[in-house]
């Protein structure tokens, strides 16, 4: 069975159904990612690769729950 990257990360059936608990969990994850991004931007040592990684995660989760 070949799964897409989204199906691997979020689950094949959850992507289709998107039940209330799934959305709530992903919104909580979004708030944590936003906090991490905020802290990374305040850091004295710039870690561009980590910032980019978290921004991509944030964007992907927004696409999934929308």
Protein backbone atom coordinates (compact mmCIF):
# COMPACT_ATOMS: atom_id res chain seq x y z
CA UNK A 1 0.00 0.00 0.00
CA UNK A 2 1.45 3.33 -1.06
CA UNK A 3 0.66 6.22 1.26
CA UNK A 4 1.23 9.90 0.66
CA UNK A 5 3.33 11.93 3.08
CA UNK A 6 0.15 13.45 4.58
CA UNK A 7 -1.37 10.00 5.09
CA UNK A 8 1.78 8.87 6.86
CA UNK A 9 1.92 11.95 9.12
CA UNK A 10 -1.76 12.40 9.88
CA UNK A 11 -3.38 9.04 9.21
CA UNK A 12 -5.27 7.87 6.15
CA UNK A 13 -8.70 7.77 7.76
CA UNK A 14 -8.31 10.91 9.87
CA UNK A 15 -7.60 12.95 6.76
CA UNK A 16 -10.95 11.89 5.32
CA UNK A 17 -13.10 12.03 8.45
CA UNK A 18 -11.47 14.87 10.45
CA UNK A 19 -13.41 14.19 13.62
CA UNK A 20 -13.68 16.74 16.43
CA UNK A 21 -10.89 15.25 18.55
CA UNK A 22 -8.48 15.20 15.59
CA UNK A 23 -9.11 18.88 14.86
CA UNK A 24 -8.81 19.81 18.55
CA UNK A 25 -5.50 17.95 18.84
CA UNK A 26 -4.11 19.62 15.73
CA UNK A 27 -5.19 23.07 16.97
CA UNK A 28 -3.33 22.39 20.20
CA UNK A 29 -0.29 21.34 18.18
CA UNK A 30 -0.58 24.58 16.16
CA UNK A 31 -0.48 26.69 19.32
CA UNK A 32 2.65 24.83 20.47
CA UNK A 33 4.31 25.37 17.10
CA UNK A 34 3.43 29.07 17.21
CA UNK A 35 5.02 29.31 20.67
CA UNK A 36 8.17 27.55 19.45
CA UNK A 37 8.41 29.82 16.41
CA UNK A 38 8.02 32.86 18.65
CA UNK A 39 10.82 31.62 20.90
CA UNK A 40 13.08 30.81 17.94
CA UNK A 41 12.62 34.33 16.59
CA UNK A 42 13.63 35.78 19.98
CA UNK A 43 16.75 33.60 20.16
CA UNK A 44 20.13 35.23 19.82
CA UNK A 45 21.43 32.41 17.63
CA UNK A 46 19.40 32.16 14.44
CA UNK A 47 18.42 28.61 13.52
CA UNK A 48 16.93 29.12 10.10
CA UNK A 49 16.53 25.44 9.34
CA UNK A 50 14.46 24.84 12.49
CA UNK A 51 12.33 27.93 11.82
CA UNK A 52 11.65 26.74 8.28
CA UNK A 53 10.80 23.22 9.51
CA UNK A 54 8.26 24.51 12.04
CA UNK A 55 6.76 26.95 9.53
CA UNK A 56 6.25 24.07 7.09
CA UNK A 57 4.61 21.96 9.82
CA UNK A 58 2.36 24.89 10.73
CA UNK A 59 1.33 25.43 7.13
CA UNK A 60 0.63 21.72 6.55
CA UNK A 61 -1.54 21.41 9.67
CA UNK A 62 -3.55 24.48 8.65
CA UNK A 63 -4.14 22.92 5.24
CA UNK A 64 -5.26 19.64 6.79
CA UNK A 65 -7.75 21.03 9.32
CA UNK A 66 -9.22 23.65 6.97
